[in-house]
Amino acid sequence: MYIAYPREGVSVKVGGVLTVVDLFCGAGGLSRGFQMAGFEVALGLDNFEPAAETFQRNFPKASVIVEDVKEVRSEDILRELGGRPDVVIGGPPCEPFTRTNPRREAEPLDRLYKDPIGRLVLHFIRIVGDLRPRVFVMENVPGIMEGGLKDAIRAEFARVGYPNVRFNVLRAELYGTPSVRTRVFVSNLRLRPKPLGRLVRVIDAIGDLPDPRGVHDIPNHEYVPLPRRKLRRIAKLRWGEALVRYRGSGGRIYGNLIRLHPFKPAPTVMGSSRFIHPFDDRLLTVREHARLMGFPDDHVFLGGRDVQYNQVGEAVPVPLAYHIAKYIASRLGQEG
């Protein structure tokens, strides 16, 4: 049986507020954007306890289920909510589909039906079919559209009652996120939020933060010590250069420990990402990573430091989530 943190007296419908259930909620980047757009975050589900604790800390009025999604029954979610949600959101793990994973299955359909982590997408679809929300949004990497995956996912959603499925490719940097990130949002709506028309640079996002070695009260902004030998190598990096390079799926080379260019958006923030400050020879703090993903400073991350970095990198950027949520709210408002 799952662990459920009870909500603080919030019903599934309060004054006509649109309600959201977040599957694979993680630290709550997607939920934070929906909350900022006026939605009521009613429930989050994640099987990783530190992420669930982070979600609960930041959404104290939501129920939080800590359980493997494969073991969760939709009727338990409905019972916890006391009704059907308006929107179901979530981002199943992307590792089976991303090109940065050198061990992903060679055959695209095996990533969905054979890989045990990839099959979690099918459980997202199962729960959506049972909860019957007005809108669903499933976030993942563009690799989830490769081969026959689009047709397979469309067929799975049609099987549970959603025959019209859109694969919306959106770039987070066009919506106020200070880092580059292209993601697919699978939905029963065509999602077309209007881009802002300007880019937010690294310096815009983190330039006002104090040195983490000094006195401050900013959460998750702790200095990260490094070995002296690594610091000497970091000191030689120019803007945009990486200390570490690794080979992903298909032989493509990726970088890590990149010194950020202050006057451009940052590269994609991933769970494994660690960045070098543009002007200081040090790692960015968890808070600086969170700023690059658009998290406000009052969004607190719990767990060990590496766990905190991972929670940030695995989240949906908050500004992009906000613009998606505002677009959905306008569409649902048009439906009356």
C-alpha atoms as a PDB file:
ATOM      1  CA  MET A   1       0.000   0.000   0.000  1.00  0.00           C
ATOM      2  CA  TYR A   2       1.280   3.467  -0.807  1.00  0.00           C
ATOM      3  CA  ILE A   3       2.101   6.245   1.646  1.00  0.00           C
ATOM      4  CA  ALA A   4      -0.154   9.283   1.257  1.00  0.00           C
ATOM      5  CA  TYR A   5       0.571  12.645   2.805  1.00  0.00           C
ATOM      6  CA  PRO A   6      -2.930  14.096   3.387  1.00  0.00           C
ATOM      7  CA  ARG A   7      -3.918  17.441   1.925  1.00  0.00           C
ATOM      8  CA  GLU A   8      -4.769  20.320   4.197  1.00  0.00           C
ATOM      9  CA  GLY A   9      -8.513  20.384   3.639  1.00  0.00           C
ATOM     10  CA  VAL A  10      -8.604  21.205  -0.088  1.00  0.00           C
ATOM     11  CA  SER A  11     -11.400  19.704  -2.152  1.00  0.00           C
ATOM     12  CA  VAL A  12     -11.006  18.845  -5.805  1.00  0.00           C
ATOM     13  CA  LYS A  13     -13.198  21.818  -6.812  1.00  0.00           C
ATOM     14  CA  VAL A  14     -12.899  25.088  -4.898  1.00  0.00           C
ATOM     15  CA  GLY A  15     -14.679  28.090  -6.378  1.00  0.00           C
ATOM     16  CA  GLY A  16     -14.341  26.752  -9.897  1.00  0.00           C
ATOM     17  CA  VAL A  17     -10.532  26.472  -9.711  1.00  0.00           C
ATOM     18  CA  LEU A  18      -9.074  24.039 -12.252  1.00  0.00           C
ATOM     19  CA  THR A  19      -7.413  21.070 -10.558  1.00  0.00           C
ATOM     20  CA  VAL A  20      -4.240  19.216 -11.476  1.00  0.00           C
ATOM     21  CA  VAL A  21      -2.814  15.764 -10.739  1.00  0.00           C
ATOM     22  CA  ASP A  22       0.939  15.420 -11.354  1.00  0.00           C
ATOM     23  CA  LEU A  23       2.220  11.904 -12.095  1.00  0.00           C
ATOM     24  CA  PHE A  24       6.025  11.424 -11.837  1.00  0.00           C
ATOM     25  CA  CYS A  25       5.891  14.782 -10.067  1.00  0.00           C
ATOM     26  CA  GLY A  26       9.532  14.952  -8.965  1.00  0.00           C
ATOM     27  CA  ALA A  27      10.395  18.286  -7.370  1.00  0.00           C
ATOM     28  CA  GLY A  28       7.358  19.920  -8.982  1.00  0.00           C
ATOM     29  CA  GLY A  29       8.595  22.113 -11.841  1.00  0.00           C
ATOM     30  CA  LEU A  30       5.569  21.332 -13.988  1.00  0.00           C
ATOM     31  CA  SER A  31       3.206  21.725 -11.037  1.00  0.00           C
ATOM     32  CA  ARG A  32       4.839  25.015 -10.028  1.00  0.00           C
ATOM     33  CA  GLY A  33       4.108  26.476 -13.435  1.00  0.00           C
ATOM     34  CA  PHE A  34       0.482  25.340 -13.268  1.00  0.00           C
ATOM     35  CA  GLN A  35       0.109  26.726  -9.751  1.00  0.00           C
ATOM     36  CA  MET A  36       1.500  30.093 -10.859  1.00  0.00           C
ATOM     37  CA  ALA A  37      -1.080  30.064 -13.670  1.00  0.00           C
ATOM     38  CA  GLY A  38      -3.912  29.706 -11.139  1.00  0.00           C
ATOM     39  CA  PHE A  39      -4.466  25.937 -11.052  1.00  0.00           C
ATOM     40  CA  GLU A  40      -4.998  24.005  -7.819  1.00  0.00           C
ATOM     41  CA  VAL A  41      -2.311  21.316  -7.474  1.00  0.00           C
ATOM     42  CA  ALA A  42      -4.364  18.568  -5.840  1.00  0.00           C
ATOM     43  CA  LEU A  43      -2.046  15.541  -5.909  1.00  0.00           C
ATOM     44  CA  GLY A  44       1.470  14.481  -6.801  1.00  0.00           C
ATOM     45  CA  LEU A  45       2.826  10.965  -7.282  1.00  0.00           C
ATOM     46  CA  ASP A  46       6.459   9.848  -7.212  1.00  0.00           C
ATOM     47  CA  ASN A  47       8.247   6.735  -6.007  1.00  0.00           C
ATOM     48  CA  PHE A  48      11.389   8.588  -4.863  1.00  0.00           C
ATOM     49  CA  GLU A  49      10.982   9.682  -1.261  1.00  0.00           C
ATOM     50  CA  PRO A  50      13.258  12.788  -1.336  1.00  0.00           C
ATOM     51  CA  ALA A  51      11.445  14.082  -4.424  1.00  0.00           C
ATOM     52  CA  ALA A  52       8.078  13.423  -2.787  1.00  0.00           C
ATOM     53  CA  GLU A  53       9.236  15.272   0.336  1.00  0.00           C
ATOM     54  CA  THR A  54      10.377  18.200  -1.808  1.00  0.00           C
ATOM     55  CA  PHE A  55       7.015  18.230  -3.577  1.00  0.00           C
ATOM     56  CA  GLN A  56       5.142  18.159  -0.264  1.00  0.00           C
ATOM     57  CA  ARG A  57       7.273  20.985   1.130  1.00  0.00           C
ATOM     58  CA  ASN A  58       6.438  23.201  -1.838  1.00  0.00           C
ATOM     59  CA  PHE A  59       2.795  22.142  -2.257  1.00  0.00           C
ATOM     60  CA  PRO A  60       1.597  21.645   1.333  1.00  0.00           C
ATOM     61  CA  LYS A  61      -2.077  21.582   0.353  1.00  0.00           C
ATOM     62  CA  ALA A  62      -1.618  18.718  -2.110  1.00  0.00           C
ATOM     63  CA  SER A  63      -1.834  15.015  -1.376  1.00  0.00           C
ATOM     64  CA  VAL A  64       1.405  13.193  -2.173  1.00  0.00           C
ATOM     65  CA  ILE A  65       1.539   9.497  -3.014  1.00  0.00           C
ATOM     66  CA  VAL A  66       4.919   7.797  -2.578  1.00  0.00           C
ATOM     67  CA  GLU A  67       4.653   4.607  -4.585  1.00  0.00           C
ATOM     68  CA  ASP A  68       5.766   2.854  -7.758  1.00  0.00           C
ATOM     69  CA  VAL A  69       3.257   3.931 -10.395  1.00  0.00           C
ATOM     70  CA  LYS A  70       2.883   0.294 -11.475  1.00  0.00           C
ATOM     71  CA  GLU A  71       1.364  -0.472  -8.081  1.00  0.00           C
ATOM     72  CA  VAL A  72      -0.976   2.526  -7.943  1.00  0.00           C
ATOM     73  CA  ARG A  73      -4.657   1.967  -8.643  1.00  0.00           C
ATOM     74  CA  SER A  74      -6.534   4.796 -10.308  1.00  0.00           C
ATOM     75  CA  GLU A  75      -9.495   4.309  -7.988  1.00  0.00           C
ATOM     76  CA  ASP A  76      -7.227   5.120  -5.039  1.00  0.00           C
ATOM     77  CA  ILE A  77      -6.313   8.426  -6.683  1.00  0.00           C
ATOM     78  CA  LEU A  78      -9.978   9.204  -7.300  1.00  0.00           C
ATOM     79  CA  ARG A  79     -10.811   8.350  -3.712  1.00  0.00           C
ATOM     80  CA  GLU A  80      -8.025  10.589  -2.420  1.00  0.00           C
ATOM     81  CA  LEU A  81      -9.195  13.466  -4.623  1.00  0.00           C
ATOM     82  CA  GLY A  82     -12.906  13.031  -4.046  1.00  0.00           C
ATOM     83  CA  GLY A  83     -13.561  13.592  -7.751  1.00  0.00           C
ATOM     84  CA  ARG A  84     -11.979  13.760 -11.193  1.00  0.00           C
ATOM     85  CA  PRO A  85      -9.238  16.305 -11.895  1.00  0.00           C
ATOM     86  CA  ASP A  86      -9.460  18.763 -14.765  1.00  0.00           C
ATOM     87  CA  VAL A  87      -5.878  18.141 -15.900  1.00  0.00           C
ATOM     88  CA  VAL A  88      -3.361  15.303 -15.524  1.00  0.00           C
ATOM     89  CA  ILE A  89       0.282  16.212 -16.110  1.00  0.00           C
ATOM     90  CA  GLY A  90       3.577  14.402 -15.712  1.00  0.00           C
ATOM     91  CA  GLY A  91       6.932  13.460 -17.150  1.00  0.00           C
ATOM     92  CA  PRO A  92       7.717   9.740 -17.204  1.00  0.00           C
ATOM     93  CA  PRO A  93      11.483   9.062 -17.090  1.00  0.00           C
ATOM     94  CA  CYS A  94      13.190   9.973 -20.354  1.00  0.00           C
ATOM     95  CA  GLU A  95      16.253   7.701 -20.036  1.00  0.00           C
ATOM     96  CA  PRO A  96      14.895   4.982 -22.390  1.00  0.00           C
ATOM     97  CA  PHE A  97      14.284   7.573 -25.133  1.00  0.00           C
ATOM     98  CA  THR A  98      17.060  10.163 -24.853  1.00  0.00           C
ATOM     99  CA  ARG A  99      20.028  10.226 -27.204  1.00  0.00           C
ATOM    100  CA  THR A 100      22.314  11.023 -24.260  1.00  0.00           C
ATOM    101  CA  ASN A 101      21.799   7.431 -23.012  1.00  0.00           C
ATOM    102  CA  PRO A 102      24.393   5.200 -24.710  1.00  0.00           C
ATOM    103  CA  ARG A 103      22.557   2.072 -23.487  1.00  0.00           C
ATOM    104  CA  ARG A 104      19.086   2.800 -24.830  1.00  0.00           C
ATOM    105  CA  GLU A 105      17.409   0.046 -26.866  1.00  0.00           C
ATOM    106  CA  ALA A 106      18.383   0.085 -30.559  1.00  0.00           C
ATOM    107  CA  GLU A 107      14.812  -0.617 -31.705  1.00  0.00           C
ATOM    108  CA  PRO A 108      12.564   2.375 -30.863  1.00  0.00           C
ATOM    109  CA  LEU A 109       9.481   0.286 -30.002  1.00  0.00           C
ATOM    110  CA  ASP A 110      11.553  -1.762 -27.549  1.00  0.00           C
ATOM    111  CA  ARG A 111      12.145   1.453 -25.605  1.00  0.00           C
ATOM    112  CA  LEU A 112       8.400   1.631 -24.932  1.00  0.00           C
ATOM    113  CA  TYR A 113       7.402  -2.018 -24.638  1.00  0.00           C
ATOM    114  CA  LYS A 114      10.574  -3.866 -23.574  1.00  0.00           C
ATOM    115  CA  ASP A 115      12.512  -1.407 -21.399  1.00  0.00           C
ATOM    116  CA  PRO A 116      10.925  -1.563 -17.901  1.00  0.00           C
ATOM    117  CA  ILE A 117      11.466   2.174 -17.399  1.00  0.00           C
ATOM    118  CA  GLY A 118      10.071   2.986 -20.835  1.00  0.00           C
ATOM    119  CA  ARG A 119       6.927   1.017 -19.982  1.00  0.00           C
ATOM    120  CA  LEU A 120       6.139   3.602 -17.319  1.00  0.00           C
ATOM    121  CA  VAL A 121       4.727   5.713 -20.173  1.00  0.00           C
ATOM    122  CA  LEU A 122       2.042   3.039 -20.528  1.00  0.00           C
ATOM    123  CA  HIS A 123       1.110   3.468 -16.871  1.00  0.00           C
ATOM    124  CA  PHE A 124       0.754   7.216 -17.374  1.00  0.00           C
ATOM    125  CA  ILE A 125      -1.640   6.427 -20.226  1.00  0.00           C
ATOM    126  CA  ARG A 126      -3.495   3.865 -18.084  1.00  0.00           C
ATOM    127  CA  ILE A 127      -4.118   6.354 -15.298  1.00  0.00           C
ATOM    128  CA  VAL A 128      -5.142   9.101 -17.724  1.00  0.00           C
ATOM    129  CA  GLY A 129      -7.682   6.708 -19.226  1.00  0.00           C
ATOM    130  CA  ASP A 130      -9.085   5.919 -15.797  1.00  0.00           C
ATOM    131  CA  LEU A 131      -9.177   9.509 -14.462  1.00  0.00           C
ATOM    132  CA  ARG A 132     -10.676  10.925 -17.673  1.00  0.00           C
ATOM    133  CA  PRO A 133      -9.347  14.500 -17.307  1.00  0.00           C
ATOM    134  CA  ARG A 134     -10.382  17.222 -19.713  1.00  0.00           C
ATOM    135  CA  VAL A 135      -6.721  17.684 -20.653  1.00  0.00           C
ATOM    136  CA  PHE A 136      -3.565  15.648 -20.195  1.00  0.00           C
ATOM    137  CA  VAL A 137       0.042  16.726 -20.773  1.00  0.00           C
ATOM    138  CA  MET A 138       2.889  14.190 -20.841  1.00  0.00           C
ATOM    139  CA  GLU A 139       6.390  15.654 -21.094  1.00  0.00           C
ATOM    140  CA  ASN A 140       9.386  13.833 -22.552  1.00  0.00           C
ATOM    141  CA  VAL A 141      12.392  14.181 -24.864  1.00  0.00           C
ATOM    142  CA  PRO A 142      12.091  14.412 -28.681  1.00  0.00           C
ATOM    143  CA  GLY A 143      13.450  10.858 -28.892  1.00  0.00           C
ATOM    144  CA  ILE A 144      10.013   9.618 -27.852  1.00  0.00           C
ATOM    145  CA  MET A 145       8.873  10.364 -31.414  1.00  0.00           C
ATOM    146  CA  GLU A 146      11.473   8.197 -33.158  1.00  0.00           C
ATOM    147  CA  GLY A 147      10.688   5.160 -35.294  1.00  0.00           C
ATOM    148  CA  GLY A 148       7.152   3.925 -34.756  1.00  0.00           C
ATOM    149  CA  LEU A 149       6.846   5.413 -31.273  1.00  0.00           C
ATOM    150  CA  LYS A 150       4.456   8.227 -32.256  1.00  0.00           C
ATOM    151  CA  ASP A 151       1.992   5.808 -33.830  1.00  0.00           C
ATOM    152  CA  ALA A 152       2.299   3.400 -30.892  1.00  0.00           C
ATOM    153  CA  ILE A 153       1.656   6.116 -28.311  1.00  0.00           C
ATOM    154  CA  ARG A 154      -1.267   7.484 -30.310  1.00  0.00           C
ATOM    155  CA  ALA A 155      -2.752   3.988 -30.444  1.00  0.00           C
ATOM    156  CA  GLU A 156      -2.322   3.516 -26.688  1.00  0.00           C
ATOM    157  CA  PHE A 157      -4.071   6.815 -25.907  1.00  0.00           C
ATOM    158  CA  ALA A 158      -6.859   6.000 -28.393  1.00  0.00           C
ATOM    159  CA  ARG A 159      -7.353   2.685 -26.629  1.00  0.00           C
ATOM    160  CA  VAL A 160      -8.161   4.507 -23.349  1.00  0.00           C
ATOM    161  CA  GLY A 161     -10.481   7.042 -24.950  1.00  0.00           C
ATOM    162  CA  TYR A 162      -8.287   9.829 -26.366  1.00  0.00           C
ATOM    163  CA  PRO A 163      -8.150   9.334 -30.163  1.00  0.00           C
ATOM    164  CA  ASN A 164      -6.755  12.800 -30.983  1.00  0.00           C
ATOM    165  CA  VAL A 165      -3.222  13.158 -29.628  1.00  0.00           C
ATOM    166  CA  ARG A 166      -0.742  15.915 -30.457  1.00  0.00           C
ATOM    167  CA  PHE A 167       3.040  15.853 -30.138  1.00  0.00           C
ATOM    168  CA  ASN A 168       3.863  19.471 -29.271  1.00  0.00           C
ATOM    169  CA  VAL A 169       7.564  20.314 -29.577  1.00  0.00           C
ATOM    170  CA  LEU A 170       8.433  23.400 -27.506  1.00  0.00           C
ATOM    171  CA  ARG A 171      11.726  25.155 -26.743  1.00  0.00           C
ATOM    172  CA  ALA A 172      11.962  26.332 -23.152  1.00  0.00           C
ATOM    173  CA  GLU A 173      14.308  29.232 -23.936  1.00  0.00           C
ATOM    174  CA  LEU A 174      11.578  30.870 -26.052  1.00  0.00           C
ATOM    175  CA  TYR A 175       9.360  31.136 -22.968  1.00  0.00           C
ATOM    176  CA  GLY A 176      11.665  32.833 -20.480  1.00  0.00           C
ATOM    177  CA  THR A 177      13.802  29.896 -19.329  1.00  0.00           C
ATOM    178  CA  PRO A 178      17.496  30.876 -18.936  1.00  0.00           C
ATOM    179  CA  SER A 179      18.627  27.518 -20.389  1.00  0.00           C
ATOM    180  CA  VAL A 180      18.167  25.682 -23.664  1.00  0.00           C
ATOM    181  CA  ARG A 181      15.738  22.772 -23.589  1.00  0.00           C
ATOM    182  CA  THR A 182      13.656  21.197 -26.347  1.00  0.00           C
ATOM    183  CA  ARG A 183      10.913  18.888 -25.112  1.00  0.00           C
ATOM    184  CA  VAL A 184       7.811  17.155 -26.417  1.00  0.00           C
ATOM    185  CA  PHE A 185       4.476  17.655 -24.663  1.00  0.00           C
ATOM    186  CA  VAL A 186       2.078  14.904 -25.677  1.00  0.00           C
ATOM    187  CA  SER A 187      -1.475  16.122 -25.159  1.00  0.00           C
ATOM    188  CA  ASN A 188      -5.037  15.914 -26.396  1.00  0.00           C
ATOM    189  CA  LEU A 189      -4.648  19.643 -27.175  1.00  0.00           C
ATOM    190  CA  ARG A 190      -2.497  21.410 -29.720  1.00  0.00           C
ATOM    191  CA  LEU A 191      -0.337  23.516 -27.389  1.00  0.00           C
ATOM    192  CA  ARG A 192       0.676  26.824 -28.964  1.00  0.00           C
ATOM    193  CA  PRO A 193       1.632  29.334 -26.241  1.00  0.00           C
ATOM    194  CA  LYS A 194       3.014  32.566 -27.671  1.00  0.00           C
ATOM    195  CA  PRO A 195       6.822  32.913 -27.360  1.00  0.00           C
ATOM    196  CA  LEU A 196       8.109  35.904 -25.409  1.00  0.00           C
ATOM    197  CA  GLY A 197      10.302  37.219 -28.228  1.00  0.00           C
ATOM    198  CA  ARG A 198      13.419  37.590 -26.083  1.00  0.00           C
ATOM    199  CA  LEU A 199      15.960  35.299 -24.452  1.00  0.00           C
ATOM    200  CA  VAL A 200      16.930  35.297 -20.774  1.00  0.00           C
ATOM    201  CA  ARG A 201      20.702  35.047 -20.331  1.00  0.00           C
ATOM    202  CA  VAL A 202      22.703  33.324 -17.614  1.00  0.00           C
ATOM    203  CA  ILE A 203      23.764  36.669 -16.151  1.00  0.00           C
ATOM    204  CA  ASP A 204      20.109  37.752 -15.984  1.00  0.00           C
ATOM    205  CA  ALA A 205      19.239  34.620 -14.024  1.00  0.00           C
ATOM    206  CA  ILE A 206      22.088  34.322 -11.516  1.00  0.00           C
ATOM    207  CA  GLY A 207      23.934  37.632 -11.619  1.00  0.00           C
ATOM    208  CA  ASP A 208      22.263  39.017  -8.480  1.00  0.00           C
ATOM    209  CA  LEU A 209      23.002  36.006  -6.285  1.00  0.00           C
ATOM    210  CA  PRO A 210      25.662  36.557  -3.606  1.00  0.00           C
ATOM    211  CA  ASP A 211      28.856  34.557  -3.343  1.00  0.00           C
ATOM    212  CA  PRO A 212      27.785  31.276  -1.689  1.00  0.00           C
ATOM    213  CA  ARG A 213      30.838  31.414   0.569  1.00  0.00           C
ATOM    214  CA  GLY A 214      29.458  34.521   2.288  1.00  0.00           C
ATOM    215  CA  VAL A 215      26.598  35.044   4.719  1.00  0.00           C
ATOM    216  CA  HIS A 216      23.130  34.803   3.155  1.00  0.00           C
ATOM    217  CA  ASP A 217      19.742  33.213   3.758  1.00  0.00           C
ATOM    218  CA  ILE A 218      19.054  31.835   0.268  1.00  0.00           C
ATOM    219  CA  PRO A 219      18.030  28.145   0.374  1.00  0.00           C
ATOM    220  CA  ASN A 220      20.082  25.583  -1.576  1.00  0.00           C
ATOM    221  CA  HIS A 221      22.834  28.163  -2.235  1.00  0.00           C
ATOM    222  CA  GLU A 222      25.740  26.368  -0.572  1.00  0.00           C
ATOM    223  CA  TYR A 223      29.295  26.437  -1.890  1.00  0.00           C
ATOM    224  CA  VAL A 224      30.454  23.116  -3.379  1.00  0.00           C
ATOM    225  CA  PRO A 225      34.134  22.357  -2.627  1.00  0.00           C
ATOM    226  CA  LEU A 226      36.284  20.738  -5.310  1.00  0.00           C
ATOM    227  CA  PRO A 227      39.735  19.101  -5.297  1.00  0.00           C
ATOM    228  CA  ARG A 228      42.583  21.535  -5.930  1.00  0.00           C
ATOM    229  CA  ARG A 229      43.675  19.654  -9.040  1.00  0.00           C
ATOM    230  CA  LYS A 230      40.238  19.980 -10.622  1.00  0.00           C
ATOM    231  CA  LEU A 231      40.098  23.654  -9.703  1.00  0.00           C
ATOM    232  CA  ARG A 232      43.366  24.250 -11.573  1.00  0.00           C
ATOM    233  CA  ARG A 233      41.862  22.638 -14.689  1.00  0.00           C
ATOM    234  CA  ILE A 234      38.638  24.601 -14.308  1.00  0.00           C
ATOM    235  CA  ALA A 235      40.581  27.873 -14.137  1.00  0.00           C
ATOM    236  CA  LYS A 236      41.771  27.290 -17.718  1.00  0.00           C
ATOM    237  CA  LEU A 237      38.259  26.895 -19.171  1.00  0.00           C
ATOM    238  CA  ARG A 238      36.882  29.618 -21.396  1.00  0.00           C
ATOM    239  CA  TRP A 239      33.176  30.388 -21.767  1.00  0.00           C
ATOM    240  CA  GLY A 240      31.401  27.446 -23.370  1.00  0.00           C
ATOM    241  CA  GLU A 241      34.246  24.965 -22.855  1.00  0.00           C
ATOM    242  CA  ALA A 242      33.658  21.620 -21.087  1.00  0.00           C
ATOM    243  CA  LEU A 243      36.011  19.902 -18.678  1.00  0.00           C
ATOM    244  CA  VAL A 244      34.442  16.482 -19.359  1.00  0.00           C
ATOM    245  CA  ARG A 245      33.182  14.935 -22.593  1.00  0.00           C
ATOM    246  CA  TYR A 246      31.262  11.686 -23.009  1.00  0.00           C
ATOM    247  CA  ARG A 247      29.705   9.661 -25.807  1.00  0.00           C
ATOM    248  CA  GLY A 248      25.918   9.250 -26.009  1.00  0.00           C
ATOM    249  CA  SER A 249      23.676   7.057 -28.161  1.00  0.00           C
ATOM    250  CA  GLY A 250      24.801   6.962 -31.785  1.00  0.00           C
ATOM    251  CA  GLY A 251      28.291   8.153 -30.888  1.00  0.00           C
ATOM    252  CA  ARG A 252      27.406  11.813 -30.358  1.00  0.00           C
ATOM    253  CA  ILE A 253      29.728  13.657 -27.973  1.00  0.00           C
ATOM    254  CA  TYR A 254      28.279  15.623 -25.047  1.00  0.00           C
ATOM    255  CA  GLY A 255      29.966  17.915 -22.525  1.00  0.00           C
ATOM    256  CA  ASN A 256      29.759  18.327 -18.771  1.00  0.00           C
ATOM    257  CA  LEU A 257      31.366  20.736 -16.315  1.00  0.00           C
ATOM    258  CA  ILE A 258      30.862  23.509 -18.873  1.00  0.00           C
ATOM    259  CA  ARG A 259      31.873  27.069 -18.022  1.00  0.00           C
ATOM    260  CA  LEU A 260      28.727  29.035 -18.758  1.00  0.00           C
ATOM    261  CA  HIS A 261      28.672  31.943 -21.174  1.00  0.00           C
ATOM    262  CA  PRO A 262      27.166  34.816 -19.179  1.00  0.00           C
ATOM    263  CA  PHE A 263      25.478  36.486 -22.144  1.00  0.00           C
ATOM    264  CA  LYS A 264      23.699  33.434 -23.548  1.00  0.00           C
ATOM    265  CA  PRO A 265      21.142  30.964 -22.161  1.00  0.00           C
ATOM    266  CA  ALA A 266      22.786  27.996 -20.441  1.00  0.00           C
ATOM    267  CA  PRO A 267      22.975  24.580 -22.116  1.00  0.00           C
ATOM    268  CA  THR A 268      20.325  22.022 -21.210  1.00  0.00           C
ATOM    269  CA  VAL A 269      20.234  21.356 -17.469  1.00  0.00           C
ATOM    270  CA  MET A 270      20.113  17.609 -16.814  1.00  0.00           C
ATOM    271  CA  GLY A 271      20.222  15.542 -13.639  1.00  0.00           C
ATOM    272  CA  SER A 272      23.886  14.807 -14.281  1.00  0.00           C
ATOM    273  CA  SER A 273      24.732  18.405 -15.242  1.00  0.00           C
ATOM    274  CA  ARG A 274      27.256  20.406 -13.290  1.00  0.00           C
ATOM    275  CA  PHE A 275      28.179  23.865 -14.555  1.00  0.00           C
ATOM    276  CA  ILE A 276      31.096  26.199 -13.877  1.00  0.00           C
ATOM    277  CA  HIS A 277      30.311  29.799 -12.950  1.00  0.00           C
ATOM    278  CA  PRO A 278      31.061  32.282 -15.763  1.00  0.00           C
ATOM    279  CA  PHE A 279      33.415  34.403 -13.631  1.00  0.00           C
ATOM    280  CA  ASP A 280      34.272  32.297 -10.562  1.00  0.00           C
ATOM    281  CA  ASP A 281      36.296  29.078 -10.639  1.00  0.00           C
ATOM    282  CA  ARG A 282      33.618  27.055  -8.854  1.00  0.00           C
ATOM    283  CA  LEU A 283      30.583  24.895  -9.473  1.00  0.00           C
ATOM    284  CA  LEU A 284      27.200  26.527  -9.655  1.00  0.00           C
ATOM    285  CA  THR A 285      25.164  25.905  -6.531  1.00  0.00           C
ATOM    286  CA  VAL A 286      21.869  24.019  -6.553  1.00  0.00           C
ATOM    287  CA  ARG A 287      20.070  27.383  -6.317  1.00  0.00           C
ATOM    288  CA  GLU A 288      21.912  28.707  -9.353  1.00  0.00           C
ATOM    289  CA  HIS A 289      20.920  25.566 -11.271  1.00  0.00           C
ATOM    290  CA  ALA A 290      17.343  26.124 -10.100  1.00  0.00           C
ATOM    291  CA  ARG A 291      17.465  29.722 -11.354  1.00  0.00           C
ATOM    292  CA  LEU A 292      18.519  28.376 -14.771  1.00  0.00           C
ATOM    293  CA  MET A 293      15.326  26.302 -14.738  1.00  0.00           C
ATOM    294  CA  GLY A 294      13.162  29.248 -13.709  1.00  0.00           C
ATOM    295  CA  PHE A 295      12.422  28.096 -10.150  1.00  0.00           C
ATOM    296  CA  PRO A 296      11.682  30.927  -7.716  1.00  0.00           C
ATOM    297  CA  ASP A 297      13.929  31.082  -4.667  1.00  0.00           C
ATOM    298  CA  ASP A 298      11.147  29.994  -2.320  1.00  0.00           C
ATOM    299  CA  HIS A 299      10.989  26.608  -4.068  1.00  0.00           C
ATOM    300  CA  VAL A 300      13.130  24.531  -1.701  1.00  0.00           C
ATOM    301  CA  PHE A 301      14.866  21.260  -2.605  1.00  0.00           C
ATOM    302  CA  LEU A 302      15.347  18.549   0.035  1.00  0.00           C
ATOM    303  CA  GLY A 303      17.698  15.556   0.241  1.00  0.00           C
ATOM    304  CA  GLY A 304      21.448  15.296  -0.266  1.00  0.00           C
ATOM    305  CA  ARG A 305      23.211  17.752  -2.551  1.00  0.00           C
ATOM    306  CA  ASP A 306      23.448  15.379  -5.536  1.00  0.00           C
ATOM    307  CA  VAL A 307      19.794  14.491  -5.063  1.00  0.00           C
ATOM    308  CA  GLN A 308      18.949  18.196  -5.135  1.00  0.00           C
ATOM    309  CA  TYR A 309      20.912  18.721  -8.374  1.00  0.00           C
ATOM    310  CA  ASN A 310      19.110  15.739  -9.901  1.00  0.00           C
ATOM    311  CA  GLN A 311      15.698  17.050  -8.873  1.00  0.00           C
ATOM    312  CA  VAL A 312      16.430  20.357 -10.590  1.00  0.00           C
ATOM    313  CA  GLY A 313      17.786  18.790 -13.773  1.00  0.00           C
ATOM    314  CA  GLU A 314      14.940  16.320 -14.124  1.00  0.00           C
ATOM    315  CA  ALA A 315      12.240  18.976 -13.746  1.00  0.00           C
ATOM    316  CA  VAL A 316      10.236  20.786 -16.400  1.00  0.00           C
ATOM    317  CA  PRO A 317      11.364  24.437 -16.552  1.00  0.00           C
ATOM    318  CA  VAL A 318       8.898  26.529 -14.578  1.00  0.00           C
ATOM    319  CA  PRO A 319       8.475  29.378 -17.111  1.00  0.00           C
ATOM    320  CA  LEU A 320       7.633  26.913 -19.894  1.00  0.00           C
ATOM    321  CA  ALA A 321       5.207  25.061 -17.608  1.00  0.00           C
ATOM    322  CA  TYR A 322       3.566  28.381 -16.727  1.00  0.00           C
ATOM    323  CA  HIS A 323       2.989  29.350 -20.361  1.00  0.00           C
ATOM    324  CA  ILE A 324       1.620  25.894 -21.178  1.00  0.00           C
ATOM    325  CA  ALA A 325      -0.736  26.133 -18.193  1.00  0.00           C
ATOM    326  CA  LYS A 326      -1.940  29.611 -19.150  1.00  0.00           C
ATOM    327  CA  TYR A 327      -2.648  28.386 -22.661  1.00  0.00           C
ATOM    328  CA  ILE A 328      -4.601  25.391 -21.350  1.00  0.00           C
ATOM    329  CA  ALA A 329      -6.572  27.604 -18.969  1.00  0.00           C
ATOM    330  CA  SER A 330      -7.576  29.845 -21.864  1.00  0.00           C
ATOM    331  CA  ARG A 331      -8.679  26.837 -23.904  1.00  0.00           C
ATOM    332  CA  LEU A 332     -10.704  25.362 -21.065  1.00  0.00           C
ATOM    333  CA  GLY A 333     -12.247  28.772 -20.466  1.00  0.00           C
ATOM    334  CA  GLN A 334     -13.351  28.869 -24.090  1.00  0.00           C
ATOM    335  CA  GLU A 335     -15.035  25.512 -23.601  1.00  0.00           C
ATOM    336  CA  GLY A 336     -17.067  27.033 -20.758  1.00  0.00           C
END
